[in-house]
Amino acid sequence: MSPLLCKRYLLQDPLGRSPRATVWRGHDMRLDRPVAIKVLDTSYYGNPTVVSRFLHEAQVAFGLQHPHLVCLYEYGCSNDNGFLVMELVDGTDLCQYLRARGVVATEYALVIAHAIALGLGAAHRCGLVHGQVKPKHILIGDDRSLKLTDLGMAIVNTRADDEFATLIGRRPPLMLNYDAPEQIQGEMVGPAADVYALGIVMYEMLTGRAPFHADTPIDIALQHLEEPALPPSQWNPNIPPILEEIILRCLEKMPERRYRDGNALARSLEGLDKRLIP
């Protein structure tokens, strides 16, 4: 791969990989600023269906700005392959943060959850569903900013098992830890799926563990579909009952029983914030 995209973006160091793309630290030579650049995997070079869908989803997300969403600056095609240019957030992600600390203090967990719920709410208002909310996609900046990334791969209120998903391959088993029941079943995915995933993230932040554990992906999927999550206070008795109620509502099996979108969840967390945090 050429280190220079479109004679403007210099690829520097890889920051991370997903099943379908690599994210690079880069530099915008025209504006002289650091950026993050996501490039589709080389196996998709020249595949018009994958590249076209990748760019279409980027087009929908382009221009959406919110303090808790990573900004998408540009998208395009180079050498018959798609790329996204995004805001670079120096810091860590929530996945690494949890590995280092195990459990997040209730006050900070609320701050994180509220920020991400607000970011999701902004996306939901525009008809976007993130579809992959998980700790790895929640960035904690060195400047204490909190931002949700990967919105450029959002779902535009579509099915979880469409042609694009088939072409790029199914998600790795670990992703099932954050999939809502309707995603697992390949049904229509709406904002409530993101609420479910953020509920799991809140559960993990406060307990240090996921609500569902099993030896195989199939068993994990069945738990998402059939078994209620154990109350998180069983693992952390210091969780306030009202916060536990919010988390368990997020984890309802039926989408209509959850908060309808990120903004509704954020409002509940705001009220809780005033009652629990001095």
C-alpha atoms as a PDB file:
ATOM      1  CA  MET A   1       0.000   0.000   0.000  1.00  0.00           C
ATOM      2  CA  SER A   2       1.268   3.459  -0.882  1.00  0.00           C
ATOM      3  CA  PRO A   3       2.065   5.560   2.220  1.00  0.00           C
ATOM      4  CA  LEU A   4       0.340   8.547   0.569  1.00  0.00           C
ATOM      5  CA  LEU A   5      -3.391   8.537  -0.155  1.00  0.00           C
ATOM      6  CA  CYS A   6      -4.811  10.955  -2.733  1.00  0.00           C
ATOM      7  CA  LYS A   7      -1.518  12.880  -2.677  1.00  0.00           C
ATOM      8  CA  ARG A   8      -2.612  14.309   0.662  1.00  0.00           C
ATOM      9  CA  TYR A   9      -2.780  11.812   3.545  1.00  0.00           C
ATOM     10  CA  LEU A  10       0.447  10.256   4.757  1.00  0.00           C
ATOM     11  CA  LEU A  11       0.071   6.849   6.419  1.00  0.00           C
ATOM     12  CA  GLN A  12       2.412   6.562   9.393  1.00  0.00           C
ATOM     13  CA  ASP A  13       1.865   3.868  12.041  1.00  0.00           C
ATOM     14  CA  PRO A  14      -0.926   1.273  12.380  1.00  0.00           C
ATOM     15  CA  LEU A  15      -3.139   1.975  15.387  1.00  0.00           C
ATOM     16  CA  GLY A  16      -5.318  -1.108  15.244  1.00  0.00           C
ATOM     17  CA  ARG A  17      -7.115  -3.659  13.120  1.00  0.00           C
ATOM     18  CA  SER A  18     -10.652  -4.915  12.741  1.00  0.00           C
ATOM     19  CA  PRO A  19     -11.877  -7.893  10.694  1.00  0.00           C
ATOM     20  CA  ARG A  20     -12.359  -5.606   7.691  1.00  0.00           C
ATOM     21  CA  ALA A  21     -10.018  -2.648   7.993  1.00  0.00           C
ATOM     22  CA  THR A  22      -6.837  -1.186   9.461  1.00  0.00           C
ATOM     23  CA  VAL A  23      -6.682   2.155  11.261  1.00  0.00           C
ATOM     24  CA  TRP A  24      -3.506   4.184  10.776  1.00  0.00           C
ATOM     25  CA  ARG A  25      -2.076   7.241  12.432  1.00  0.00           C
ATOM     26  CA  GLY A  26      -1.633   9.670   9.584  1.00  0.00           C
ATOM     27  CA  HIS A  27      -0.928  13.242   8.654  1.00  0.00           C
ATOM     28  CA  ASP A  28      -2.983  15.589   6.496  1.00  0.00           C
ATOM     29  CA  MET A  29      -0.289  17.229   4.371  1.00  0.00           C
ATOM     30  CA  ARG A  30      -2.610  19.966   3.141  1.00  0.00           C
ATOM     31  CA  LEU A  31      -3.891  21.128   6.549  1.00  0.00           C
ATOM     32  CA  ASP A  32      -0.788  20.038   8.491  1.00  0.00           C
ATOM     33  CA  ARG A  33      -2.686  18.130  11.169  1.00  0.00           C
ATOM     34  CA  PRO A  34      -2.643  14.594  12.568  1.00  0.00           C
ATOM     35  CA  VAL A  35      -5.505  12.314  11.563  1.00  0.00           C
ATOM     36  CA  ALA A  36      -6.655   8.728  11.884  1.00  0.00           C
ATOM     37  CA  ILE A  37      -7.162   6.874   8.594  1.00  0.00           C
ATOM     38  CA  LYS A  38      -9.232   3.703   8.243  1.00  0.00           C
ATOM     39  CA  VAL A  39      -8.480   1.650   5.135  1.00  0.00           C
ATOM     40  CA  LEU A  40     -10.425  -1.400   3.997  1.00  0.00           C
ATOM     41  CA  ASP A  41      -8.472  -4.635   4.116  1.00  0.00           C
ATOM     42  CA  THR A  42      -6.450  -5.444   1.003  1.00  0.00           C
ATOM     43  CA  SER A  43      -8.636  -8.496   0.362  1.00  0.00           C
ATOM     44  CA  TYR A  44     -11.423  -6.111  -0.697  1.00  0.00           C
ATOM     45  CA  TYR A  45      -9.396  -4.233  -3.311  1.00  0.00           C
ATOM     46  CA  GLY A  46     -11.452  -3.914  -6.451  1.00  0.00           C
ATOM     47  CA  ASN A  47     -14.616  -5.377  -4.899  1.00  0.00           C
ATOM     48  CA  PRO A  48     -17.180  -2.796  -6.031  1.00  0.00           C
ATOM     49  CA  THR A  49     -19.964  -4.015  -3.737  1.00  0.00           C
ATOM     50  CA  VAL A  50     -17.920  -3.802  -0.553  1.00  0.00           C
ATOM     51  CA  VAL A  51     -16.200  -0.533  -1.456  1.00  0.00           C
ATOM     52  CA  SER A  52     -19.471   1.084  -2.556  1.00  0.00           C
ATOM     53  CA  ARG A  53     -21.279   0.125   0.661  1.00  0.00           C
ATOM     54  CA  PHE A  54     -18.315   1.238   2.753  1.00  0.00           C
ATOM     55  CA  LEU A  55     -18.369   4.656   1.104  1.00  0.00           C
ATOM     56  CA  HIS A  56     -22.169   4.917   1.235  1.00  0.00           C
ATOM     57  CA  GLU A  57     -22.215   4.399   4.986  1.00  0.00           C
ATOM     58  CA  ALA A  58     -19.419   6.947   5.338  1.00  0.00           C
ATOM     59  CA  GLN A  59     -21.457   9.420   3.284  1.00  0.00           C
ATOM     60  CA  VAL A  60     -24.409   9.060   5.649  1.00  0.00           C
ATOM     61  CA  ALA A  61     -22.216   9.688   8.693  1.00  0.00           C
ATOM     62  CA  PHE A  62     -20.227  12.505   7.050  1.00  0.00           C
ATOM     63  CA  GLY A  63     -20.914  15.909   8.542  1.00  0.00           C
ATOM     64  CA  LEU A  64     -22.379  14.581  11.782  1.00  0.00           C
ATOM     65  CA  GLN A  65     -20.603  16.502  14.524  1.00  0.00           C
ATOM     66  CA  HIS A  66     -20.960  16.014  18.255  1.00  0.00           C
ATOM     67  CA  PRO A  67     -18.516  16.469  21.164  1.00  0.00           C
ATOM     68  CA  HIS A  68     -18.776  12.743  21.953  1.00  0.00           C
ATOM     69  CA  LEU A  69     -18.421  11.394  18.422  1.00  0.00           C
ATOM     70  CA  VAL A  70     -15.154  11.084  16.529  1.00  0.00           C
ATOM     71  CA  CYS A  71     -15.475  13.455  13.585  1.00  0.00           C
ATOM     72  CA  LEU A  72     -15.280  12.017  10.063  1.00  0.00           C
ATOM     73  CA  TYR A  73     -13.295  14.500   7.947  1.00  0.00           C
ATOM     74  CA  GLU A  74     -13.288  12.834   4.543  1.00  0.00           C
ATOM     75  CA  TYR A  75     -13.931   9.573   2.748  1.00  0.00           C
ATOM     76  CA  GLY A  76     -12.886   8.375  -0.640  1.00  0.00           C
ATOM     77  CA  CYS A  77     -11.302   5.731  -2.821  1.00  0.00           C
ATOM     78  CA  SER A  78      -7.642   5.141  -3.607  1.00  0.00           C
ATOM     79  CA  ASN A  79      -6.388   2.317  -5.820  1.00  0.00           C
ATOM     80  CA  ASP A  80      -9.930   0.916  -5.982  1.00  0.00           C
ATOM     81  CA  ASN A  81     -10.206   0.695  -2.208  1.00  0.00           C
ATOM     82  CA  GLY A  82     -12.151   2.739   0.322  1.00  0.00           C
ATOM     83  CA  PHE A  83     -10.753   4.844   3.126  1.00  0.00           C
ATOM     84  CA  LEU A  84     -12.023   7.176   5.859  1.00  0.00           C
ATOM     85  CA  VAL A  85     -10.141  10.105   7.364  1.00  0.00           C
ATOM     86  CA  MET A  86     -11.119  10.852  10.954  1.00  0.00           C
ATOM     87  CA  GLU A  87     -10.247  12.947  13.956  1.00  0.00           C
ATOM     88  CA  LEU A  88      -7.252  11.501  15.814  1.00  0.00           C
ATOM     89  CA  VAL A  89      -7.785  11.036  19.552  1.00  0.00           C
ATOM     90  CA  ASP A  90      -4.567  10.564  21.485  1.00  0.00           C
ATOM     91  CA  GLY A  91      -5.102   8.519  24.608  1.00  0.00           C
ATOM     92  CA  THR A  92      -6.519   5.060  25.209  1.00  0.00           C
ATOM     93  CA  ASP A  93      -9.742   3.164  24.712  1.00  0.00           C
ATOM     94  CA  LEU A  94     -12.106   1.843  27.338  1.00  0.00           C
ATOM     95  CA  CYS A  95     -11.041  -1.739  26.651  1.00  0.00           C
ATOM     96  CA  GLN A  96      -7.445  -0.983  27.639  1.00  0.00           C
ATOM     97  CA  TYR A  97      -8.650   1.154  30.531  1.00  0.00           C
ATOM     98  CA  LEU A  98     -10.669  -1.752  31.914  1.00  0.00           C
ATOM     99  CA  ARG A  99      -7.767  -4.168  31.497  1.00  0.00           C
ATOM    100  CA  ALA A 100      -5.593  -1.860  33.555  1.00  0.00           C
ATOM    101  CA  ARG A 101      -8.128  -1.089  36.299  1.00  0.00           C
ATOM    102  CA  GLY A 102     -10.663  -3.903  36.302  1.00  0.00           C
ATOM    103  CA  VAL A 103     -13.605  -1.857  37.568  1.00  0.00           C
ATOM    104  CA  VAL A 104     -14.502   1.794  36.995  1.00  0.00           C
ATOM    105  CA  ALA A 105     -15.638   3.959  39.903  1.00  0.00           C
ATOM    106  CA  THR A 106     -19.392   4.571  39.799  1.00  0.00           C
ATOM    107  CA  GLU A 107     -19.014   8.325  39.305  1.00  0.00           C
ATOM    108  CA  TYR A 108     -16.690   7.969  36.323  1.00  0.00           C
ATOM    109  CA  ALA A 109     -18.711   5.109  34.833  1.00  0.00           C
ATOM    110  CA  LEU A 110     -21.707   7.443  34.851  1.00  0.00           C
ATOM    111  CA  VAL A 111     -19.696  10.173  33.142  1.00  0.00           C
ATOM    112  CA  ILE A 112     -18.588   7.760  30.409  1.00  0.00           C
ATOM    113  CA  ALA A 113     -22.031   6.220  29.902  1.00  0.00           C
ATOM    114  CA  HIS A 114     -23.737   9.611  29.765  1.00  0.00           C
ATOM    115  CA  ALA A 115     -21.253  10.966  27.220  1.00  0.00           C
ATOM    116  CA  ILE A 116     -21.581   7.950  24.926  1.00  0.00           C
ATOM    117  CA  ALA A 117     -25.378   7.935  25.268  1.00  0.00           C
ATOM    118  CA  LEU A 118     -25.425  11.575  24.129  1.00  0.00           C
ATOM    119  CA  GLY A 119     -23.201  10.746  21.158  1.00  0.00           C
ATOM    120  CA  LEU A 120     -25.449   7.841  20.223  1.00  0.00           C
ATOM    121  CA  GLY A 121     -28.475  10.084  20.578  1.00  0.00           C
ATOM    122  CA  ALA A 122     -27.027  12.479  18.004  1.00  0.00           C
ATOM    123  CA  ALA A 123     -26.454   9.595  15.591  1.00  0.00           C
ATOM    124  CA  HIS A 124     -29.924   8.177  16.228  1.00  0.00           C
ATOM    125  CA  ARG A 125     -31.528  11.518  15.414  1.00  0.00           C
ATOM    126  CA  CYS A 126     -29.893  11.270  11.989  1.00  0.00           C
ATOM    127  CA  GLY A 127     -31.200   7.757  11.389  1.00  0.00           C
ATOM    128  CA  LEU A 128     -27.889   6.042  12.134  1.00  0.00           C
ATOM    129  CA  VAL A 129     -27.391   2.978  14.296  1.00  0.00           C
ATOM    130  CA  HIS A 130     -23.808   2.371  15.377  1.00  0.00           C
ATOM    131  CA  GLY A 131     -24.249  -1.391  15.645  1.00  0.00           C
ATOM    132  CA  GLN A 132     -20.857  -2.070  17.245  1.00  0.00           C
ATOM    133  CA  VAL A 133     -20.825  -0.208  20.551  1.00  0.00           C
ATOM    134  CA  LYS A 134     -18.132  -1.830  22.705  1.00  0.00           C
ATOM    135  CA  PRO A 135     -15.240  -0.691  24.944  1.00  0.00           C
ATOM    136  CA  LYS A 136     -12.733  -0.746  22.073  1.00  0.00           C
ATOM    137  CA  HIS A 137     -14.760   1.915  20.270  1.00  0.00           C
ATOM    138  CA  ILE A 138     -15.005   4.253  23.271  1.00  0.00           C
ATOM    139  CA  LEU A 139     -11.968   6.531  23.304  1.00  0.00           C
ATOM    140  CA  ILE A 140     -10.631   8.271  26.409  1.00  0.00           C
ATOM    141  CA  GLY A 141      -8.434  11.164  25.337  1.00  0.00           C
ATOM    142  CA  ASP A 142      -5.389  12.459  27.116  1.00  0.00           C
ATOM    143  CA  ASP A 143      -7.396  15.687  27.375  1.00  0.00           C
ATOM    144  CA  ARG A 144     -10.145  13.715  29.231  1.00  0.00           C
ATOM    145  CA  SER A 145     -12.429  13.792  26.196  1.00  0.00           C
ATOM    146  CA  LEU A 146     -14.806  10.855  25.691  1.00  0.00           C
ATOM    147  CA  LYS A 147     -15.692   9.923  22.128  1.00  0.00           C
ATOM    148  CA  LEU A 148     -17.370   7.050  20.314  1.00  0.00           C
ATOM    149  CA  THR A 149     -15.550   5.997  17.174  1.00  0.00           C
ATOM    150  CA  ASP A 150     -16.271   3.786  14.154  1.00  0.00           C
ATOM    151  CA  LEU A 151     -19.426   5.682  13.254  1.00  0.00           C
ATOM    152  CA  GLY A 152     -18.262   5.642   9.630  1.00  0.00           C
ATOM    153  CA  MET A 153     -19.259   1.961   9.578  1.00  0.00           C
ATOM    154  CA  ALA A 154     -22.697   2.580  11.065  1.00  0.00           C
ATOM    155  CA  ILE A 155     -25.832   0.742  10.025  1.00  0.00           C
ATOM    156  CA  VAL A 156     -28.473   2.796   8.244  1.00  0.00           C
ATOM    157  CA  ASN A 157     -31.465   1.105   9.884  1.00  0.00           C
ATOM    158  CA  THR A 158     -30.886  -2.112   7.967  1.00  0.00           C
ATOM    159  CA  ARG A 159     -30.684  -5.826   8.589  1.00  0.00           C
ATOM    160  CA  ALA A 160     -27.793  -7.355  10.461  1.00  0.00           C
ATOM    161  CA  ASP A 161     -27.408 -10.149   7.892  1.00  0.00           C
ATOM    162  CA  ASP A 162     -27.448  -8.218   4.624  1.00  0.00           C
ATOM    163  CA  GLU A 163     -25.232  -8.796   1.597  1.00  0.00           C
ATOM    164  CA  PHE A 164     -22.480  -6.521   2.875  1.00  0.00           C
ATOM    165  CA  ALA A 165     -22.206  -8.434   6.151  1.00  0.00           C
ATOM    166  CA  THR A 166     -21.967 -11.674   4.182  1.00  0.00           C
ATOM    167  CA  LEU A 167     -19.252 -10.339   1.897  1.00  0.00           C
ATOM    168  CA  ILE A 168     -17.051  -9.043   4.699  1.00  0.00           C
ATOM    169  CA  GLY A 169     -17.560 -12.157   6.795  1.00  0.00           C
ATOM    170  CA  ARG A 170     -19.382 -12.659  10.059  1.00  0.00           C
ATOM    171  CA  ARG A 171     -18.108 -10.914  13.156  1.00  0.00           C
ATOM    172  CA  PRO A 172     -15.619 -12.655  15.425  1.00  0.00           C
ATOM    173  CA  PRO A 173     -17.177 -14.557  18.366  1.00  0.00           C
ATOM    174  CA  LEU A 174     -16.163 -11.871  20.866  1.00  0.00           C
ATOM    175  CA  MET A 175     -18.505  -9.411  19.178  1.00  0.00           C
ATOM    176  CA  LEU A 176     -21.437 -11.502  20.377  1.00  0.00           C
ATOM    177  CA  ASN A 177     -20.737 -10.116  23.842  1.00  0.00           C
ATOM    178  CA  TYR A 178     -22.266  -6.812  22.696  1.00  0.00           C
ATOM    179  CA  ASP A 179     -24.890  -7.890  20.156  1.00  0.00           C
ATOM    180  CA  ALA A 180     -28.541  -7.315  20.956  1.00  0.00           C
ATOM    181  CA  PRO A 181     -30.893 -10.289  20.500  1.00  0.00           C
ATOM    182  CA  GLU A 182     -32.331  -8.800  17.315  1.00  0.00           C
ATOM    183  CA  GLN A 183     -28.834  -8.499  15.828  1.00  0.00           C
ATOM    184  CA  ILE A 184     -28.080 -12.130  16.613  1.00  0.00           C
ATOM    185  CA  GLN A 185     -31.318 -13.166  14.927  1.00  0.00           C
ATOM    186  CA  GLY A 186     -30.646 -11.038  11.836  1.00  0.00           C
ATOM    187  CA  GLU A 187     -33.687  -8.841  12.381  1.00  0.00           C
ATOM    188  CA  MET A 188     -34.063  -5.134  11.740  1.00  0.00           C
ATOM    189  CA  VAL A 189     -31.653  -3.171  13.901  1.00  0.00           C
ATOM    190  CA  GLY A 190     -32.712   0.116  15.477  1.00  0.00           C
ATOM    191  CA  PRO A 191     -31.398   2.512  18.141  1.00  0.00           C
ATOM    192  CA  ALA A 192     -32.425   0.120  20.918  1.00  0.00           C
ATOM    193  CA  ALA A 193     -29.655  -2.239  19.794  1.00  0.00           C
ATOM    194  CA  ASP A 194     -27.088   0.439  20.663  1.00  0.00           C
ATOM    195  CA  VAL A 195     -28.820   0.968  24.009  1.00  0.00           C
ATOM    196  CA  TYR A 196     -28.448  -2.759  24.705  1.00  0.00           C
ATOM    197  CA  ALA A 197     -24.746  -2.684  23.865  1.00  0.00           C
ATOM    198  CA  LEU A 198     -24.134   0.374  26.041  1.00  0.00           C
ATOM    199  CA  GLY A 199     -25.968  -1.409  28.856  1.00  0.00           C
ATOM    200  CA  ILE A 200     -23.441  -4.236  28.569  1.00  0.00           C
ATOM    201  CA  VAL A 201     -20.592  -1.722  28.606  1.00  0.00           C
ATOM    202  CA  MET A 202     -22.010  -0.165  31.799  1.00  0.00           C
ATOM    203  CA  TYR A 203     -22.330  -3.628  33.339  1.00  0.00           C
ATOM    204  CA  GLU A 204     -18.676  -4.363  32.508  1.00  0.00           C
ATOM    205  CA  MET A 205     -17.424  -1.026  33.813  1.00  0.00           C
ATOM    206  CA  LEU A 206     -19.092  -1.560  37.185  1.00  0.00           C
ATOM    207  CA  THR A 207     -18.483  -5.289  37.667  1.00  0.00           C
ATOM    208  CA  GLY A 208     -15.360  -6.098  35.673  1.00  0.00           C
ATOM    209  CA  ARG A 209     -17.202  -8.830  33.772  1.00  0.00           C
ATOM    210  CA  ALA A 210     -19.716  -9.287  30.970  1.00  0.00           C
ATOM    211  CA  PRO A 211     -23.298 -10.256  31.861  1.00  0.00           C
ATOM    212  CA  PHE A 212     -23.131 -13.424  29.755  1.00  0.00           C
ATOM    213  CA  HIS A 213     -20.379 -16.049  29.855  1.00  0.00           C
ATOM    214  CA  ALA A 214     -20.134 -19.373  28.038  1.00  0.00           C
ATOM    215  CA  ASP A 215     -17.582 -21.664  26.421  1.00  0.00           C
ATOM    216  CA  THR A 216     -18.843 -21.287  22.860  1.00  0.00           C
ATOM    217  CA  PRO A 217     -20.246 -18.439  20.745  1.00  0.00           C
ATOM    218  CA  ILE A 218     -23.472 -20.381  20.263  1.00  0.00           C
ATOM    219  CA  ASP A 219     -23.992 -20.631  24.010  1.00  0.00           C
ATOM    220  CA  ILE A 220     -23.293 -16.924  24.428  1.00  0.00           C
ATOM    221  CA  ALA A 221     -25.820 -16.155  21.690  1.00  0.00           C
ATOM    222  CA  LEU A 222     -28.434 -18.335  23.384  1.00  0.00           C
ATOM    223  CA  GLN A 223     -27.907 -16.486  26.657  1.00  0.00           C
ATOM    224  CA  HIS A 224     -28.481 -13.161  24.888  1.00  0.00           C
ATOM    225  CA  LEU A 225     -31.655 -14.553  23.409  1.00  0.00           C
ATOM    226  CA  GLU A 226     -33.096 -16.451  26.364  1.00  0.00           C
ATOM    227  CA  GLU A 227     -31.497 -15.753  29.740  1.00  0.00           C
ATOM    228  CA  PRO A 228     -31.957 -12.584  31.799  1.00  0.00           C
ATOM    229  CA  ALA A 229     -28.755 -10.938  32.952  1.00  0.00           C
ATOM    230  CA  LEU A 230     -27.914 -11.404  36.608  1.00  0.00           C
ATOM    231  CA  PRO A 231     -28.266  -8.118  38.507  1.00  0.00           C
ATOM    232  CA  PRO A 232     -24.835  -6.450  38.463  1.00  0.00           C
ATOM    233  CA  SER A 233     -25.065  -5.861  42.228  1.00  0.00           C
ATOM    234  CA  GLN A 234     -24.371  -9.582  42.661  1.00  0.00           C
ATOM    235  CA  TRP A 235     -20.817  -8.827  41.552  1.00  0.00           C
ATOM    236  CA  ASN A 236     -20.559  -5.307  42.953  1.00  0.00           C
ATOM    237  CA  PRO A 237     -22.872  -4.657  45.937  1.00  0.00           C
ATOM    238  CA  ASN A 238     -21.957  -0.958  45.873  1.00  0.00           C
ATOM    239  CA  ILE A 239     -23.950  -0.341  42.684  1.00  0.00           C
ATOM    240  CA  PRO A 240     -26.907   1.919  43.575  1.00  0.00           C
ATOM    241  CA  PRO A 241     -30.277   0.167  43.013  1.00  0.00           C
ATOM    242  CA  ILE A 242     -31.537   2.897  40.692  1.00  0.00           C
ATOM    243  CA  LEU A 243     -28.461   2.536  38.472  1.00  0.00           C
ATOM    244  CA  GLU A 244     -28.946  -1.212  38.436  1.00  0.00           C
ATOM    245  CA  GLU A 245     -32.523  -0.686  37.247  1.00  0.00           C
ATOM    246  CA  ILE A 246     -31.280   1.450  34.367  1.00  0.00           C
ATOM    247  CA  ILE A 247     -28.712  -1.152  33.307  1.00  0.00           C
ATOM    248  CA  LEU A 248     -31.211  -4.016  33.454  1.00  0.00           C
ATOM    249  CA  ARG A 249     -33.712  -2.007  31.421  1.00  0.00           C
ATOM    250  CA  CYS A 250     -31.037  -1.523  28.762  1.00  0.00           C
ATOM    251  CA  LEU A 251     -30.582  -5.311  28.706  1.00  0.00           C
ATOM    252  CA  GLU A 252     -34.215  -6.213  28.138  1.00  0.00           C
ATOM    253  CA  LYS A 253     -34.588  -8.870  25.426  1.00  0.00           C
ATOM    254  CA  MET A 254     -37.343  -6.999  23.581  1.00  0.00           C
ATOM    255  CA  PRO A 255     -36.222  -3.702  21.998  1.00  0.00           C
ATOM    256  CA  GLU A 256     -39.459  -1.911  22.898  1.00  0.00           C
ATOM    257  CA  ARG A 257     -38.809  -2.522  26.604  1.00  0.00           C
ATOM    258  CA  ARG A 258     -35.454  -0.726  26.527  1.00  0.00           C
ATOM    259  CA  TYR A 259     -34.822   3.018  26.326  1.00  0.00           C
ATOM    260  CA  ARG A 260     -35.857   3.908  22.802  1.00  0.00           C
ATOM    261  CA  ASP A 261     -32.579   5.645  21.896  1.00  0.00           C
ATOM    262  CA  GLY A 262     -29.401   7.183  23.254  1.00  0.00           C
ATOM    263  CA  ASN A 263     -31.076  10.444  24.222  1.00  0.00           C
ATOM    264  CA  ALA A 264     -33.688   8.692  26.371  1.00  0.00           C
ATOM    265  CA  LEU A 265     -30.946   6.772  28.167  1.00  0.00           C
ATOM    266  CA  ALA A 266     -28.904   9.945  28.603  1.00  0.00           C
ATOM    267  CA  ARG A 267     -31.850  11.691  30.265  1.00  0.00           C
ATOM    268  CA  SER A 268     -32.180   8.874  32.793  1.00  0.00           C
ATOM    269  CA  LEU A 269     -28.472   9.018  33.537  1.00  0.00           C
ATOM    270  CA  GLU A 270     -28.616  12.801  33.946  1.00  0.00           C
ATOM    271  CA  GLY A 271     -31.262  12.501  36.609  1.00  0.00           C
ATOM    272  CA  LEU A 272     -29.244   9.794  38.312  1.00  0.00           C
ATOM    273  CA  ASP A 273     -26.119  11.887  38.111  1.00  0.00           C
ATOM    274  CA  LYS A 274     -27.690  14.604  40.230  1.00  0.00           C
ATOM    275  CA  ARG A 275     -28.790  12.118  42.893  1.00  0.00           C
ATOM    276  CA  LEU A 276     -25.582  10.098  43.224  1.00  0.00           C
ATOM    277  CA  ILE A 277     -22.763  12.545  42.579  1.00  0.00           C
ATOM    278  CA  PRO A 278     -22.209  15.480  44.941  1.00  0.00           C
END
